[in-house]
Structure formats: C-alpha cells, structure tokens
Amino acid sequence: CDSTVTINLTVRQPIISTVTQTICAGQSITVCGQTYNTSGTFTKVCTAANGCDSTVTINLTVRQPITSTVTRTICAGQSITVCGQTYNTSGTFTKVCTAANGCDSTVTFNLTVRQPITSSITQTLCAGQSITVCGQTYNSSGTFTKVCTAANGCDSTITINLTVRQPITSSITQTLC
C-alpha cells in the first residue's frame, strides 16, 4: 500500500572561520589538534561541534626577537635606565626586555662612565695682571675653585692658587758731601 512519509530534514552548513593570530618566536598556537609556530596562511578541516566539517583558515604571524647593541658614554654621577634597570658604572651589560612588538628584546649595553677631571694651577702675577680660567678672570691673591666643562664633556674642577705681587715701593735717601 501507499504510505506517506514526512521527512523533516535539516541541512547543517559547514562552518568556515578565520583565525588571525600574532605570536612571538618560541610560541605556538594549536588549532584542531595541529600546532603552528611559523608565519604563513594555513587551512585546516576539523569536525565542528555540530558534527559537520569546519574549515579554519589560520593567518599566523610570528614576530622575531629584537637584538640590539647600544653604546653610551656618561659622566660620573649620571646614570642610564634600560628596561627599568639603572646603570652608572662602566661595563658591558645584557638585558632582556619586552619590546614594543610584545616580544623579547635583547639589548647589549656598552657603557663608559667618564670620571671628572681635577687639576690645579699655581700662578704668580704682578699687580695689574690677571688670568682667565673657564671664562672667569682672577686678579687677586687667593685660592679659588672653578668647575668647568672639560674636553670630555664632564665636569672639571680646577683649583687656582694665585699670588699677586704688589709693586715694591722704596724710597732712597741719600746725603752727598
């Protein structure tokens, strides 16, 4: 005999999705049990939660670590801060920081700390003469200290020991016969 069958059919559509991810070298992502750790575009077919095929396109960018070398010279008493670490002594230092791209950055830091220069000048002048040290003129006896910028760009402390001789005044009295 004839029979009538009613079929309620639901056709599930495959799921198509795109994953765009950026990671740092040494990291990886896993999609549908597959691990990825190199830059590129990959396509993976998986079984979705609805039981149908799911096609995932993976756009992966792997950022490389940044390595740099910095050479700086400062004067004693000054300091430089690199990645939150302060340096104030001469040497070569290596510091791993987080770069602007979110990945590790290795900085090799060559630091030279110049020491201040200390010197002294001992000078004898005649009255009316003067000497000029670092733009300052001296014309009287005494010990003076002047801080100037040396050729190396750092402070230079100069001690000036100055003697100014006064003219000799003499009087001669002579009696002639």
Protein backbone atom coordinates (compact mmCIF):
# COMPACT_ATOMS: atom_id res chain seq x y z
CA CYS A 1 0.00 0.00 0.00
CA ASP A 2 0.94 3.54 -0.40
CA SER A 3 2.36 5.28 2.57
CA THR A 4 3.16 8.87 3.15
CA VAL A 5 6.35 9.72 4.95
CA THR A 6 7.07 13.21 6.12
CA ILE A 7 10.75 13.96 6.42
CA ASN A 8 11.92 16.97 8.34
CA LEU A 9 15.42 17.45 7.06
CA THR A 10 17.85 19.96 8.49
CA VAL A 11 20.92 20.52 6.40
CA ARG A 12 23.70 21.82 8.52
CA GLN A 13 26.08 24.12 6.77
CA PRO A 14 29.80 23.66 7.17
CA ILE A 15 31.41 26.22 9.42
CA ILE A 16 34.06 28.36 7.78
CA SER A 17 36.14 30.56 10.03
CA THR A 18 39.36 32.54 10.00
CA VAL A 19 41.82 32.84 12.86
CA THR A 20 44.31 35.70 12.64
CA GLN A 21 46.99 35.45 15.30
CA THR A 22 50.34 37.09 16.05
CA ILE A 23 52.79 35.33 18.37
CA CYS A 24 56.42 35.68 19.35
CA ALA A 25 59.16 33.30 18.22
CA GLY A 26 59.23 30.28 20.51
CA GLN A 27 55.45 30.35 20.99
CA SER A 28 52.85 28.32 19.08
CA ILE A 29 49.11 28.00 18.63
CA THR A 30 47.06 24.82 18.31
CA VAL A 31 44.01 24.58 16.03
CA CYS A 32 42.09 21.30 15.80
CA GLY A 33 44.98 19.40 17.36
CA GLN A 34 47.54 20.79 14.92
CA THR A 35 50.32 23.03 16.30
CA TYR A 36 51.61 26.01 14.28
CA ASN A 37 54.75 28.04 15.04
CA THR A 38 55.79 29.58 11.72
CA SER A 39 54.40 32.54 9.82
CA GLY A 40 52.00 31.74 7.00
CA THR A 41 48.41 31.02 5.98
CA PHE A 42 47.18 27.51 6.72
CA THR A 43 43.88 25.73 6.14
CA LYS A 44 42.67 23.00 8.50
CA VAL A 45 39.48 20.93 8.22
CA CYS A 46 38.12 19.89 11.61
CA THR A 47 34.91 18.40 12.97
CA ALA A 48 32.79 21.18 14.41
CA ALA A 49 30.58 20.95 17.49
CA ASN A 50 27.58 20.35 15.20
CA GLY A 51 29.26 17.23 13.79
CA CYS A 52 29.94 18.72 10.37
CA ASP A 53 33.17 19.75 8.74
CA SER A 54 34.62 23.04 9.82
CA THR A 55 37.21 24.75 7.66
CA VAL A 56 39.54 27.04 9.55
CA THR A 57 41.92 29.41 7.79
CA ILE A 58 44.82 30.36 10.04
CA ASN A 59 46.71 33.59 9.29
CA LEU A 60 49.74 33.34 11.57
CA THR A 61 52.46 35.94 12.05
CA VAL A 62 55.48 35.00 14.15
CA ARG A 63 57.41 38.04 15.36
CA GLN A 64 61.13 37.59 15.76
CA PRO A 65 63.01 38.78 18.83
CA ILE A 66 64.80 42.10 18.55
CA THR A 67 68.51 42.19 19.30
CA SER A 68 70.34 45.49 19.56
CA THR A 69 73.60 46.93 20.81
CA VAL A 70 73.75 50.36 22.41
CA THR A 71 76.96 52.23 23.20
CA ARG A 72 76.69 55.20 25.55
CA THR A 73 79.09 57.45 27.43
CA ILE A 74 78.05 59.39 30.52
CA CYS A 75 79.78 61.42 33.21
CA ALA A 76 80.31 60.21 36.77
CA GLY A 77 77.21 60.96 38.83
CA GLN A 78 74.89 60.35 35.89
CA SER A 79 73.01 57.12 35.12
CA ILE A 80 71.16 55.44 32.29
CA THR A 81 68.00 53.34 32.68
CA VAL A 82 67.41 50.43 30.29
CA CYS A 83 64.26 48.32 30.69
CA GLY A 84 63.77 49.54 34.25
CA GLN A 85 67.37 48.77 35.30
CA THR A 86 69.64 51.71 36.19
CA TYR A 87 73.32 51.64 35.25
CA ASN A 88 76.03 54.01 36.48
CA THR A 89 79.29 52.06 36.14
CA SER A 90 81.40 51.26 33.10
CA GLY A 91 80.91 47.82 31.58
CA THR A 92 79.03 45.67 29.09
CA PHE A 93 75.60 44.54 30.20
CA THR A 94 72.91 42.37 28.59
CA LYS A 95 69.26 42.92 29.44
CA VAL A 96 66.18 41.09 28.10
CA CYS A 97 63.15 43.39 27.87
CA THR A 98 59.72 43.35 26.32
CA ALA A 99 59.90 45.24 23.02
CA ALA A 100 57.19 47.43 21.53
CA ASN A 101 56.00 44.43 19.48
CA GLY A 102 55.34 42.50 22.70
CA CYS A 103 58.19 40.03 22.18
CA ASP A 104 61.56 39.68 23.85
CA SER A 105 64.21 42.21 23.04
CA THR A 106 67.83 41.55 24.00
CA VAL A 107 69.85 44.73 24.49
CA THR A 108 73.62 44.60 24.84
CA PHE A 109 74.64 47.81 26.51
CA ASN A 110 78.22 49.14 26.38
CA LEU A 111 78.53 51.88 28.98
CA THR A 112 81.52 54.10 29.62
CA VAL A 113 81.46 56.36 32.65
CA ARG A 114 83.90 59.26 32.35
CA GLN A 115 85.43 60.43 35.58
CA PRO A 116 85.66 64.11 36.48
CA ILE A 117 88.98 65.81 35.87
CA THR A 118 90.63 67.54 38.81
CA SER A 119 93.61 69.84 38.29
CA SER A 120 95.33 72.77 39.88
CA ILE A 121 97.05 75.90 38.65
CA THR A 122 99.64 77.72 40.70
CA GLN A 123 100.41 81.14 39.27
CA THR A 124 102.25 84.25 40.42
CA LEU A 125 101.35 87.57 38.80
CA CYS A 126 102.34 91.14 39.16
CA ALA A 127 99.77 93.70 40.25
CA GLY A 128 97.64 94.74 37.29
CA GLN A 129 97.90 91.34 35.59
CA SER A 130 95.18 88.68 35.59
CA ILE A 131 94.47 85.14 34.41
CA THR A 132 91.25 83.77 32.95
CA VAL A 133 90.12 80.21 33.73
CA CYS A 134 86.89 78.88 32.18
CA GLY A 135 85.69 82.38 31.39
CA GLN A 136 86.35 83.71 34.91
CA THR A 137 89.06 86.36 35.40
CA TYR A 138 91.19 86.36 38.54
CA ASN A 139 93.47 89.25 39.60
CA SER A 140 93.85 88.97 43.37
CA SER A 141 95.76 86.59 45.63
CA GLY A 142 93.90 83.58 46.96
CA THR A 143 92.83 80.01 46.34
CA PHE A 144 89.83 79.65 44.08
CA THR A 145 87.88 76.63 42.85
CA LYS A 146 86.23 76.68 39.45
CA VAL A 147 84.04 73.93 37.91
CA CYS A 148 84.16 73.90 34.11
CA THR A 149 83.14 71.54 31.33
CA ALA A 150 86.20 69.56 30.24
CA ALA A 151 87.00 68.38 26.73
CA ASN A 152 85.40 65.00 27.57
CA GLY A 153 82.08 66.77 28.24
CA CYS A 154 82.17 66.14 32.00
CA ASP A 155 82.86 68.42 34.96
CA SER A 156 86.40 69.55 35.54
CA THR A 157 87.31 71.04 38.91
CA ILE A 158 90.26 73.41 38.81
CA THR A 159 91.90 74.78 41.94
CA ILE A 160 93.66 78.09 41.27
CA ASN A 161 96.39 79.10 43.67
CA LEU A 162 97.09 82.71 42.75
CA THR A 163 99.65 85.07 44.19
CA VAL A 164 99.60 88.67 43.04
CA ARG A 165 102.78 90.57 43.89
CA GLN A 166 102.37 94.17 44.73
CA PRO A 167 104.83 96.65 43.34
CA ILE A 168 107.77 97.39 45.59
CA THR A 169 107.88 100.95 46.66
CA SER A 170 111.13 102.09 48.02
CA SER A 171 112.50 105.32 49.00
CA ILE A 172 116.15 106.20 48.90
CA THR A 173 117.51 108.98 50.94
CA GLN A 174 120.96 109.98 50.02
CA THR A 175 123.21 112.53 51.54
CA LEU A 176 126.00 113.83 49.42
CA CYS A 177 129.09 115.57 50.67
